[in-house]
N, C-alpha and C. Protein backbone atom coordinates (compact mmCIF):
# COMPACT_ATOMS: atom_id res chain seq x y z
N MET A 1 10.97 9.83 -71.05
CA MET A 1 10.57 10.38 -72.34
C MET A 1 9.34 11.31 -72.07
N LEU A 2 8.32 10.74 -71.54
CA LEU A 2 7.06 11.53 -71.45
C LEU A 2 7.37 12.73 -70.50
N ASP A 3 8.15 12.74 -69.46
CA ASP A 3 8.38 13.96 -68.85
C ASP A 3 9.10 15.10 -69.66
N GLY A 4 9.85 14.61 -70.54
CA GLY A 4 10.76 15.39 -71.52
C GLY A 4 9.76 15.95 -72.51
N LEU A 5 8.72 15.27 -72.98
CA LEU A 5 7.74 15.66 -73.89
C LEU A 5 6.94 16.94 -73.35
N ARG A 6 6.71 16.91 -72.02
CA ARG A 6 5.92 18.04 -71.52
C ARG A 6 6.72 19.45 -71.56
N PHE A 7 7.92 19.34 -71.72
CA PHE A 7 8.71 20.55 -71.85
C PHE A 7 9.38 20.73 -73.30
N SER A 8 8.82 20.00 -74.24
CA SER A 8 9.38 20.10 -75.56
C SER A 8 8.84 21.20 -76.32
N PRO A 9 9.59 21.82 -77.27
CA PRO A 9 8.99 22.87 -78.12
C PRO A 9 7.49 22.51 -78.83
N VAL A 10 7.29 21.36 -79.05
CA VAL A 10 5.93 20.95 -79.60
C VAL A 10 4.97 21.23 -78.74
N MET A 11 5.19 20.97 -77.37
CA MET A 11 4.13 21.17 -76.35
C MET A 11 3.97 22.74 -76.23
N ALA A 12 5.07 23.44 -76.21
CA ALA A 12 5.11 24.71 -75.89
C ALA A 12 4.34 25.45 -77.04
N LEU A 13 4.32 24.93 -78.19
CA LEU A 13 3.37 25.64 -79.21
C LEU A 13 1.95 25.52 -78.88
N GLY A 14 1.62 24.56 -78.16
CA GLY A 14 0.09 24.33 -77.90
C GLY A 14 -0.36 25.09 -76.76
N THR A 15 -1.48 24.64 -76.27
CA THR A 15 -2.00 25.30 -74.98
C THR A 15 -1.70 24.39 -73.93
N GLU A 16 -2.02 25.05 -72.71
CA GLU A 16 -1.88 24.16 -71.43
C GLU A 16 -3.00 22.96 -71.63
N ASP A 17 -3.98 23.31 -72.21
CA ASP A 17 -5.18 22.40 -72.28
C ASP A 17 -4.68 21.04 -72.96
N ARG A 18 -3.80 21.09 -73.98
CA ARG A 18 -3.19 19.91 -74.81
C ARG A 18 -2.30 19.31 -73.83
N THR A 19 -1.55 19.94 -73.13
CA THR A 19 -0.58 19.29 -72.24
C THR A 19 -1.40 18.57 -71.12
N ASN A 20 -2.51 19.15 -70.57
CA ASN A 20 -3.30 18.53 -69.54
C ASN A 20 -3.90 17.15 -70.05
N LYS A 21 -4.45 17.34 -71.27
CA LYS A 21 -5.07 16.23 -71.99
C LYS A 21 -4.19 15.06 -72.25
N LEU A 22 -2.96 15.38 -72.56
CA LEU A 22 -1.96 14.25 -72.81
C LEU A 22 -1.55 13.64 -71.52
N ALA A 23 -1.40 14.58 -70.51
CA ALA A 23 -1.13 13.94 -69.12
C ALA A 23 -2.17 13.26 -68.57
N ASN A 24 -3.40 13.50 -68.66
CA ASN A 24 -4.56 12.93 -68.23
C ASN A 24 -4.84 11.46 -68.85
N CYS A 25 -4.48 11.55 -70.10
CA CYS A 25 -4.69 10.30 -70.99
C CYS A 25 -3.62 9.14 -70.63
N THR A 26 -2.56 9.69 -70.34
CA THR A 26 -1.38 8.75 -70.03
C THR A 26 -1.01 8.32 -68.59
N GLN A 27 -1.65 9.09 -67.83
CA GLN A 27 -1.28 8.95 -66.37
C GLN A 27 -1.37 7.48 -65.84
N ASN A 28 -2.31 6.71 -66.28
CA ASN A 28 -2.55 5.37 -65.80
C ASN A 28 -1.85 4.41 -66.67
N MET A 29 -1.14 4.78 -67.70
CA MET A 29 -0.51 3.85 -68.56
C MET A 29 0.87 3.45 -68.01
N ASN A 30 1.23 2.20 -68.32
CA ASN A 30 2.61 1.80 -67.90
C ASN A 30 3.51 1.88 -69.11
N GLY A 31 4.82 1.65 -68.96
CA GLY A 31 5.83 1.88 -69.97
C GLY A 31 5.46 0.87 -71.30
N GLU A 32 5.10 -0.26 -70.79
CA GLU A 32 4.78 -1.28 -71.93
C GLU A 32 3.60 -0.79 -72.92
N GLN A 33 2.60 -0.22 -72.22
CA GLN A 33 1.51 0.25 -72.95
C GLN A 33 1.81 1.42 -73.96
N ILE A 34 2.74 2.30 -73.37
CA ILE A 34 3.12 3.45 -74.13
C ILE A 34 4.10 3.04 -75.34
N LEU A 35 4.84 2.00 -75.04
CA LEU A 35 5.85 1.44 -76.04
C LEU A 35 5.00 0.78 -77.04
N ALA A 36 4.00 0.15 -76.74
CA ALA A 36 3.15 -0.54 -77.85
C ALA A 36 2.53 0.54 -78.66
N ILE A 37 1.98 1.58 -78.13
CA ILE A 37 1.25 2.64 -78.82
C ILE A 37 2.47 3.35 -79.81
N ALA A 38 3.48 3.52 -79.30
CA ALA A 38 4.67 4.19 -80.18
C ALA A 38 5.00 3.24 -81.32
N ASP A 39 5.24 1.91 -81.01
CA ASP A 39 5.69 0.87 -81.90
C ASP A 39 4.73 0.80 -83.06
N LYS A 40 3.36 0.72 -82.75
CA LYS A 40 2.32 0.65 -83.77
C LYS A 40 2.37 1.89 -84.57
N TYR A 41 2.44 2.99 -84.02
CA TYR A 41 2.58 4.19 -84.77
C TYR A 41 3.70 4.30 -85.81
N VAL A 42 4.95 4.04 -85.24
CA VAL A 42 6.20 3.99 -86.11
C VAL A 42 6.07 3.02 -87.17
N GLU A 43 5.63 1.89 -86.81
CA GLU A 43 5.68 0.55 -87.82
C GLU A 43 4.78 1.10 -89.05
N ALA A 44 3.74 1.72 -88.73
CA ALA A 44 2.69 2.23 -89.82
C ALA A 44 3.08 3.36 -90.56
N ARG A 45 4.22 3.94 -90.22
CA ARG A 45 4.69 5.09 -90.83
C ARG A 45 6.10 5.14 -91.20
N PRO A 46 6.63 4.23 -92.13
CA PRO A 46 8.09 4.24 -92.39
C PRO A 46 8.61 5.56 -92.96
N GLU A 47 7.75 6.21 -93.52
CA GLU A 47 8.17 7.61 -94.10
C GLU A 47 8.57 8.55 -93.19
N LYS A 48 8.23 8.29 -91.79
CA LYS A 48 8.60 9.31 -90.66
C LYS A 48 9.93 8.77 -89.94
N TRP A 49 10.42 7.52 -90.46
CA TRP A 49 11.53 7.01 -89.48
C TRP A 49 12.61 7.84 -89.43
N HIS A 50 12.88 9.01 -90.19
CA HIS A 50 13.99 9.83 -90.02
C HIS A 50 13.60 10.90 -88.80
N GLU A 51 12.45 11.08 -88.52
CA GLU A 51 12.10 11.98 -87.49
C GLU A 51 12.58 11.62 -86.06
N SER A 52 12.79 12.54 -85.24
CA SER A 52 13.18 12.34 -83.91
C SER A 52 12.10 11.47 -83.10
N VAL A 53 12.66 10.75 -82.13
CA VAL A 53 11.70 9.90 -81.29
C VAL A 53 10.66 10.80 -80.62
N HIS A 54 11.09 11.97 -80.13
CA HIS A 54 10.19 12.86 -79.55
C HIS A 54 8.96 13.24 -80.39
N PHE A 55 9.24 13.58 -81.70
CA PHE A 55 8.05 13.86 -82.67
C PHE A 55 7.19 12.65 -82.99
N GLN A 56 7.81 11.44 -83.04
CA GLN A 56 7.07 10.22 -83.25
C GLN A 56 6.27 9.94 -82.13
N LEU A 57 6.82 9.95 -80.83
CA LEU A 57 6.05 9.55 -79.63
C LEU A 57 4.96 10.63 -79.40
N PHE A 58 5.21 11.94 -79.73
CA PHE A 58 4.09 12.96 -79.64
C PHE A 58 2.98 12.54 -80.57
N GLY A 59 3.45 12.21 -81.82
CA GLY A 59 2.25 11.85 -82.77
C GLY A 59 1.63 10.71 -82.38
N ALA A 60 2.35 9.59 -81.89
CA ALA A 60 1.70 8.40 -81.59
C ALA A 60 0.63 8.74 -80.31
N LEU A 61 1.00 9.39 -79.36
CA LEU A 61 0.05 9.62 -78.11
C LEU A 61 -0.97 10.64 -78.47
N THR A 62 -0.72 11.63 -79.26
CA THR A 62 -1.77 12.60 -79.71
C THR A 62 -3.00 11.86 -80.30
N GLU A 63 -2.52 10.91 -81.25
CA GLU A 63 -3.33 10.16 -82.00
C GLU A 63 -4.25 9.21 -81.04
N ALA A 64 -3.45 8.40 -80.17
CA ALA A 64 -4.10 7.48 -79.30
C ALA A 64 -5.08 8.14 -78.39
N CYS A 65 -4.60 9.26 -77.83
CA CYS A 65 -5.46 9.98 -76.86
C CYS A 65 -6.50 10.86 -77.63
N ARG A 66 -6.37 10.98 -78.78
CA ARG A 66 -7.29 11.91 -79.71
C ARG A 66 -7.23 13.28 -79.05
N ILE A 67 -6.08 13.86 -79.09
CA ILE A 67 -5.85 15.07 -78.52
C ILE A 67 -6.37 16.15 -79.63
N PHE A 68 -6.13 15.86 -80.79
CA PHE A 68 -6.57 16.73 -81.96
C PHE A 68 -7.75 16.04 -82.55
N LYS A 69 -8.81 16.60 -82.67
CA LYS A 69 -10.20 15.90 -83.13
C LYS A 69 -10.58 16.61 -84.41
């Protein structure tokens, strides 16, 4: 999933800096940690449950990694 995120249209709209920040932030995380971040994000936002998993994971990780400040 994370590998696919790097090539997603969402990341293409940003800068390489955003991609690098996300990669640096998540490089030492294991799957369980990423899943916990995603679960917490999705659980707190039932109004977004119709969105694709890619968008929700992107939102969860950019929030957790504070990509947009």
